[in-house]
Amino acid sequence: MLHIPLVHVNEFPPSCPPEAYFYRLSSVVEHFGRVGSGHYTVYRSVRADSRIEDPDKHFETPSSHWFCISDSEVHSVSEKDVLTAEASLLFYERIIES
């Protein structure tokens, strides 16, 4: 089970209703090379059942696994690989309450 922390946002952006929102890290983009050239790879989390959400248990994520995607290659990676990547972009998914 992954233990990547969720982001909690309760007052941003100001135009949103005063509710709490929770987000889960879903993708990490890493760039290799110099500015203006190089190569991008993506780490993507795939969850076993993305339809099941329990906002009261937001730190207990359903079974998920990380993959590294680079051009025509896809391979499984560890949580440590993702957390040690030199991230260029991070993508989060909002956890929708049922």
Protein backbone atom coordinates (compact mmCIF):
# COMPACT_ATOMS: atom_id res chain seq x y z
CA MET A 1 0.00 0.00 0.00
CA LEU A 2 1.33 3.46 -0.86
CA HIS A 3 1.88 5.94 1.92
CA ILE A 4 2.14 9.14 -0.11
CA PRO A 5 0.48 11.95 1.83
CA LEU A 6 -2.66 13.57 0.55
CA VAL A 7 -2.90 17.31 0.14
CA HIS A 8 -5.61 19.02 2.17
CA VAL A 9 -6.91 22.35 0.89
CA ASN A 10 -9.57 24.14 2.90
CA GLU A 11 -9.44 27.79 1.83
CA PHE A 12 -7.92 27.83 -1.67
CA PRO A 13 -9.02 29.10 -4.13
CA PRO A 14 -11.18 31.83 -2.55
CA SER A 15 -13.98 31.32 -5.10
CA CYS A 16 -14.66 27.77 -3.82
CA PRO A 17 -17.28 27.08 -1.17
CA PRO A 18 -15.92 26.83 2.40
CA GLU A 19 -15.57 23.04 2.29
CA ALA A 20 -12.54 20.85 2.78
CA TYR A 21 -11.07 19.13 -0.26
CA PHE A 22 -8.60 16.26 -0.32
CA TYR A 23 -6.24 15.44 -3.18
CA ARG A 24 -4.15 12.38 -4.02
CA LEU A 25 -0.87 12.46 -5.95
CA SER A 26 -1.60 10.70 -9.23
CA SER A 27 1.28 11.54 -11.61
CA VAL A 28 4.81 12.87 -11.50
CA VAL A 29 6.60 14.20 -14.59
CA GLU A 30 10.40 14.11 -14.60
CA HIS A 31 12.67 15.80 -17.16
CA PHE A 32 16.12 14.53 -18.09
CA GLY A 33 18.56 16.69 -20.03
CA ARG A 34 19.06 20.39 -20.53
CA VAL A 35 16.63 23.24 -20.92
CA GLY A 36 15.19 23.17 -24.45
CA SER A 37 16.11 19.54 -25.03
CA GLY A 38 16.07 16.22 -23.25
CA HIS A 39 13.46 13.65 -22.40
CA TYR A 40 10.35 13.44 -20.22
CA THR A 41 9.13 10.42 -18.31
CA VAL A 42 5.92 10.05 -16.31
CA TYR A 43 5.25 8.15 -13.13
CA ARG A 44 1.57 7.25 -12.92
CA SER A 45 -0.40 5.72 -10.08
CA VAL A 46 -2.94 3.09 -11.02
CA ARG A 47 -5.50 2.23 -8.37
CA ALA A 48 -7.20 -1.14 -8.07
CA ASP A 49 -10.68 0.37 -7.77
CA SER A 50 -10.86 4.12 -8.38
CA ARG A 51 -14.65 4.17 -7.81
CA ILE A 52 -14.37 3.47 -4.07
CA GLU A 53 -13.74 6.54 -1.93
CA ASP A 54 -14.10 6.94 1.81
CA PRO A 55 -13.39 10.54 2.83
CA ASP A 56 -13.27 9.53 6.51
CA LYS A 57 -10.37 7.21 5.69
CA HIS A 58 -8.46 9.52 3.34
CA PHE A 59 -5.07 8.26 4.55
CA GLU A 60 -5.99 4.64 3.77
CA THR A 61 -5.80 4.50 0.00
CA PRO A 62 -7.14 1.57 -2.01
CA SER A 63 -4.56 -0.78 -3.45
CA SER A 64 -2.51 1.11 -6.02
CA HIS A 65 0.71 0.70 -7.95
CA TRP A 66 3.13 3.06 -9.70
CA PHE A 67 4.35 2.72 -13.28
CA CYS A 68 7.05 4.59 -15.19
CA ILE A 69 6.04 5.52 -18.75
CA SER A 70 8.71 6.57 -21.24
CA ASP A 71 8.06 6.60 -25.00
CA SER A 72 7.14 2.99 -25.84
CA GLU A 73 8.22 1.51 -22.49
CA VAL A 74 6.09 0.97 -19.40
CA HIS A 75 7.46 -0.71 -16.31
CA SER A 76 6.55 -1.09 -12.66
CA VAL A 77 8.41 1.11 -10.15
CA SER A 78 8.54 1.38 -6.39
CA GLU A 79 7.10 4.17 -4.27
CA LYS A 80 10.71 5.10 -3.43
CA ASP A 81 11.45 5.63 -7.15
CA VAL A 82 8.54 8.06 -7.39
CA LEU A 83 9.41 9.94 -4.20
CA THR A 84 13.06 10.36 -5.21
CA ALA A 85 12.29 11.58 -8.75
CA GLU A 86 13.34 15.13 -9.59
CA ALA A 87 9.82 16.23 -10.41
CA SER A 88 9.09 18.89 -13.03
CA LEU A 89 5.31 18.64 -12.65
CA LEU A 90 2.99 17.04 -10.10
CA PHE A 91 -0.61 16.08 -10.86
CA TYR A 92 -3.23 15.51 -8.18
CA GLU A 93 -6.71 13.99 -8.33
CA ARG A 94 -9.45 15.42 -6.15
CA ILE A 95 -11.10 12.86 -3.89
CA ILE A 96 -14.83 13.10 -4.50
CA GLU A 97 -17.07 12.44 -1.51
CA SER A 98 -19.88 9.98 -2.18
